[in-house]
Protein backbone atom coordinates (compact mmCIF):
# COMPACT_ATOMS: atom_id res chain seq x y z
CA MET A 1 -19.93 -44.25 -45.05
CA ARG A 2 -29.44 -44.28 -55.13
CA LEU A 3 -31.98 -42.15 -56.98
CA ALA A 4 -33.63 -41.46 -60.19
CA LEU A 5 -31.01 -41.58 -62.93
CA THR A 6 -29.48 -38.08 -62.89
CA LEU A 7 -25.95 -38.81 -63.31
CA LEU A 8 -23.55 -35.60 -63.97
CA PHE A 9 -21.54 -35.68 -67.09
CA ALA A 10 -18.99 -32.67 -67.54
CA ALA A 11 -16.79 -31.86 -70.31
CA PRO A 12 -13.78 -29.46 -70.53
CA ALA A 13 -14.98 -25.84 -70.69
CA CYS A 14 -14.85 -24.58 -74.39
CA THR A 15 -11.80 -22.28 -74.74
CA GLY A 16 -12.83 -20.76 -78.14
CA GLY A 17 -10.14 -19.67 -80.53
CA ASP A 18 -6.41 -19.56 -80.26
CA ASP A 19 -6.55 -16.23 -78.60
CA LYS A 20 -7.88 -17.77 -75.50
CA GLN A 21 -5.66 -20.74 -75.22
CA ASP A 22 -3.40 -19.02 -72.73
CA ASP A 23 -6.21 -17.47 -70.68
CA THR A 24 -5.55 -19.18 -67.22
CA SER A 25 -8.60 -17.58 -65.63
CA GLU A 26 -10.92 -19.90 -67.56
CA THR A 27 -12.46 -22.64 -65.49
CA THR A 28 -12.01 -26.26 -66.67
CA THR A 29 -14.37 -28.92 -65.40
CA GLU A 30 -13.38 -32.60 -65.96
CA SER A 31 -14.66 -35.90 -64.75
CA THR A 32 -13.12 -39.15 -63.74
CA SER A 33 -15.58 -42.00 -63.43
CA ILE A 34 -18.26 -40.37 -61.36
CA CYS A 35 -16.33 -37.64 -60.04
CA VAL A 36 -16.90 -34.08 -61.42
CA ILE A 37 -13.70 -32.04 -61.00
CA THR A 38 -13.41 -28.24 -61.25
CA PRO A 39 -9.88 -27.24 -60.17
CA GLY A 40 -9.00 -24.03 -58.48
CA ALA A 41 -6.65 -21.41 -59.73
CA GLY A 42 -3.31 -22.83 -60.39
CA VAL A 43 -4.40 -26.40 -59.41
CA ASP A 44 -3.75 -29.43 -61.80
CA ALA A 45 -7.05 -31.12 -62.46
CA GLU A 46 -5.15 -34.51 -62.67
CA SER A 47 -4.17 -34.25 -59.11
CA LEU A 48 -7.83 -34.22 -57.98
CA ASP A 49 -10.24 -37.23 -57.78
CA CYS A 50 -13.22 -38.26 -55.45
CA LYS A 51 -15.36 -41.34 -54.48
CA LEU A 52 -18.79 -41.13 -53.04
CA GLY A 53 -19.65 -43.57 -50.36
CA THR A 54 -21.44 -44.54 -47.13
CA GLY A 55 -20.50 -46.16 -43.84
CA ASP A 56 -20.60 -44.77 -40.20
CA GLN A 57 -17.12 -46.12 -39.26
CA SER A 58 -15.16 -46.49 -42.30
CA PHE A 59 -15.74 -45.71 -46.10
CA VAL A 60 -17.81 -48.09 -48.02
CA LEU A 61 -17.64 -47.28 -51.61
CA VAL A 62 -21.04 -46.84 -53.43
CA GLU A 63 -21.61 -47.65 -57.22
CA GLU A 64 -24.48 -46.90 -59.66
CA GLY A 65 -27.60 -48.88 -58.80
CA ALA A 66 -26.25 -50.16 -55.42
CA GLN A 67 -28.43 -50.74 -52.41
CA VAL A 68 -27.79 -48.36 -49.51
CA PRO A 69 -28.94 -48.90 -45.82
CA TYR A 70 -30.75 -46.49 -43.70
CA TYR A 71 -30.96 -46.82 -39.93
CA PRO A 72 -33.11 -45.66 -37.06
CA GLY A 73 -31.58 -42.77 -34.92
CA PRO A 74 -31.12 -42.78 -31.27
CA GLN A 75 -33.29 -39.88 -30.79
CA GLY A 76 -36.11 -41.13 -33.31
CA GLY A 77 -36.13 -40.56 -36.93
CA TRP A 78 -34.03 -42.41 -39.77
CA HIS A 79 -30.85 -41.58 -41.52
CA VAL A 80 -28.44 -42.62 -44.25
CA PHE A 81 -24.74 -42.14 -43.75
CA GLY A 82 -22.83 -40.07 -46.25
CA SER A 83 -19.25 -40.59 -46.73
CA LEU A 84 -16.41 -39.50 -49.28
CA MET A 85 -12.77 -39.75 -50.24
CA ALA A 86 -11.05 -36.96 -52.00
CA ARG A 87 -7.55 -36.62 -53.47
CA GLY A 88 -5.69 -33.35 -53.76
CA MET A 89 -7.95 -31.26 -51.71
CA VAL A 90 -6.97 -29.05 -48.84
CA PRO A 91 -8.22 -30.92 -45.88
CA GLY A 92 -8.49 -28.20 -43.24
CA VAL A 93 -7.58 -28.75 -39.53
CA VAL A 94 -9.03 -31.72 -37.68
CA ASP A 95 -10.95 -30.61 -34.58
CA ASP A 96 -11.20 -27.01 -35.75
CA LEU A 97 -14.16 -26.15 -37.96
CA THR A 98 -13.28 -22.40 -37.64
CA ALA A 99 -9.83 -22.82 -39.43
CA PRO A 100 -9.66 -20.53 -42.55
CA ASP A 101 -8.92 -23.50 -44.79
CA THR A 102 -11.84 -25.77 -43.61
CA PRO A 103 -13.43 -27.23 -46.61
CA LEU A 104 -17.18 -26.73 -47.31
CA LEU A 105 -19.23 -29.86 -47.81
CA LYS A 106 -22.91 -30.62 -48.93
CA TYR A 107 -24.37 -34.14 -48.83
CA ARG A 108 -27.77 -34.67 -50.17
CA VAL A 109 -30.20 -37.44 -51.09
CA THR A 110 -32.89 -36.50 -53.53
CA LYS A 111 -36.06 -38.30 -54.62
CA ASP A 112 -38.01 -37.22 -57.56
CA GLY A 113 -35.83 -34.16 -57.76
CA GLU A 114 -36.68 -33.08 -54.20
CA THR A 115 -34.46 -33.13 -51.16
CA PHE A 116 -35.08 -36.39 -49.25
CA ALA A 117 -32.16 -36.27 -46.86
CA GLY A 118 -29.33 -34.01 -46.00
CA VAL A 119 -29.28 -30.22 -46.82
CA ASP A 120 -29.08 -27.99 -49.85
CA TYR A 121 -26.11 -25.92 -48.73
CA GLN A 122 -22.52 -26.45 -47.95
CA GLN A 123 -21.22 -26.69 -44.34
CA PRO A 124 -17.62 -26.59 -42.88
CA ARG A 125 -16.29 -30.22 -42.47
CA TRP A 126 -12.53 -31.08 -42.16
CA LEU A 127 -11.14 -34.20 -43.82
CA THR A 128 -8.88 -36.83 -42.28
CA ASP A 129 -5.86 -38.44 -43.85
CA ALA A 130 -6.62 -41.66 -45.60
CA GLY A 131 -3.04 -42.26 -47.09
CA ASP A 132 -1.72 -42.18 -50.55
CA GLY A 133 -2.72 -38.50 -51.13
CA TRP A 134 -6.31 -39.16 -50.21
CA HIS A 135 -8.44 -37.59 -47.47
CA GLN A 136 -11.91 -38.83 -46.21
CA HIS A 137 -15.09 -37.59 -44.43
CA ILE A 138 -16.89 -40.38 -42.86
CA GLY A 139 -20.37 -40.87 -41.35
CA GLU A 140 -22.49 -37.77 -41.98
CA GLN A 141 -25.96 -38.55 -40.75
CA LEU A 142 -28.41 -37.47 -43.36
CA VAL A 143 -31.85 -37.50 -41.88
CA LEU A 144 -34.60 -38.84 -44.12
CA ALA A 145 -37.87 -36.87 -44.67
CA ILE A 146 -40.16 -39.87 -43.68
CA LEU A 147 -42.54 -40.51 -40.88
CA ASP A 148 -42.49 -44.27 -40.73
CA THR A 149 -39.89 -46.91 -40.61
CA TYR A 150 -40.50 -48.45 -43.98
CA ASP A 151 -41.42 -45.29 -45.96
CA ALA A 152 -37.93 -45.22 -47.72
CA ASP A 153 -37.56 -49.04 -47.95
CA GLY A 154 -36.97 -49.75 -51.68
CA ALA A 155 -36.89 -46.05 -52.50
CA GLU A 156 -34.97 -45.04 -55.68
CA VAL A 157 -33.01 -41.88 -54.87
CA VAL A 158 -30.00 -40.06 -55.73
CA MET A 159 -26.94 -39.65 -53.51
CA GLU A 160 -24.61 -36.70 -53.93
CA PHE A 161 -22.07 -34.53 -52.45
CA GLU A 162 -20.18 -31.35 -53.25
CA LEU A 163 -16.89 -30.34 -51.60
CA THR A 164 -15.06 -27.17 -52.01
CA ASP A 165 -11.54 -26.42 -50.52
CA ALA A 166 -9.58 -23.35 -49.77
CA ASN A 167 -7.92 -23.20 -53.18
CA GLY A 168 -11.26 -23.00 -54.85
CA SER A 169 -11.20 -26.56 -56.18
CA VAL A 170 -14.78 -28.20 -56.35
CA LEU A 171 -15.37 -31.99 -56.54
CA SER A 172 -18.74 -33.53 -56.73
CA ALA A 173 -20.40 -36.91 -57.47
CA THR A 174 -24.11 -38.11 -58.04
CA LEU A 175 -25.27 -41.62 -58.09
CA PRO A 176 -28.61 -43.34 -58.50
CA VAL A 177 -29.17 -45.86 -55.68
CA THR A 178 -31.88 -47.81 -53.77
CA LEU A 179 -32.50 -47.47 -50.05
CA TYR A 180 -33.22 -50.38 -47.86
CA TYR A 181 -33.98 -50.41 -44.14
CA GLN A 182 -31.34 -51.78 -41.76
CA HIS A 183 -32.60 -52.71 -38.42
CA ILE A 184 -30.29 -52.14 -35.50
CA ASP A 185 -30.59 -52.22 -31.73
CA ILE A 186 -29.70 -49.14 -29.94
CA ASP A 187 -28.42 -49.35 -26.34
CA ASP A 188 -25.82 -47.77 -23.96
CA THR A 189 -22.90 -49.73 -25.78
CA GLY A 190 -23.83 -48.32 -29.22
CA LEU A 191 -25.50 -49.75 -32.29
CA THR A 192 -26.01 -53.43 -32.83
CA ASP A 193 -26.93 -54.88 -36.30
CA THR A 194 -29.76 -57.33 -36.18
CA GLY A 195 -30.49 -57.88 -39.74
CA SER A 196 -32.31 -55.87 -42.57
CA THR A 197 -35.36 -56.13 -44.88
CA SER A 198 -32.93 -56.66 -47.72
CA ASP A 199 -31.61 -60.02 -49.02
CA THR A 200 -28.49 -58.34 -50.51
CA GLY A 201 -27.49 -55.27 -48.62
CA ASP A 202 -25.05 -54.69 -51.40
CA THR A 203 -23.52 -51.12 -51.60
CA GLY A 204 -21.77 -51.94 -54.62
CA GLY A 205 -18.31 -51.75 -53.18
CA GLY A 206 -16.82 -52.77 -50.06
CA GLU A 207 -13.75 -50.48 -50.40
CA THR A 208 -12.96 -49.05 -46.90
CA GLY A 209 -10.85 -46.39 -45.51
CA THR A 210 -9.94 -45.51 -41.93
CA GLY A 211 -11.53 -43.24 -39.48
CA SER A 212 -14.69 -43.34 -37.37
CA GLY A 213 -18.16 -41.83 -38.17
CA LYS A 214 -19.44 -42.45 -34.75
CA ASP A 215 -16.98 -39.98 -33.09
CA THR A 216 -18.20 -37.23 -35.24
CA ASP A 217 -15.87 -34.80 -33.55
CA LYS A 218 -12.90 -36.52 -35.36
CA THR A 219 -14.42 -36.64 -38.78
CA GLY A 220 -15.91 -33.10 -39.07
CA GLY A 221 -19.30 -34.53 -39.11
CA SER A 222 -22.57 -33.13 -37.52
CA GLN A 223 -22.14 -32.19 -33.88
């Protein structure tokens, strides 16, 4: 597991005069690359980072202006896959969305400022280990608000996510991308790629992680 250009840029929160320099209750928001970081109380911002991606079985890094595929669903409709990697976040417990430390996650795709896929609220989603201090969530199906197969083909959209963990740390990322339709055959054995309407199909990355988005019970995805 690309919209109108609405990238988020964050700067450290103003601390005012010297009398506030030791006030640890102040929230500091920092950004690394496209990742906007708001550390929870007592959390070092430098320990946190995130990456926005797509992919249904492994993480595929998405970069600004990339082309992201969308697919037909097995029960009708069309969707794009949302995926992410996060460093330094409390991952929750795999297979237990009721665990008290389960992260809250929102994926969304917007078009012209309106929700085009995904939801406007956070939902409980656990993260799986990706190694080197990173965790990931793979293959969230974001159903597109379209009525015909090609209604989103070539659409300029914005992909985004927001992740909050048990420490109160928040990671978010927003990227403008372009959608293209990826045709697949759906049968009892799963999904078979049979080509796309795009010549490039470039997601701007190719960086992959581990994990599966098809078995959503193991990624904390929609069930």
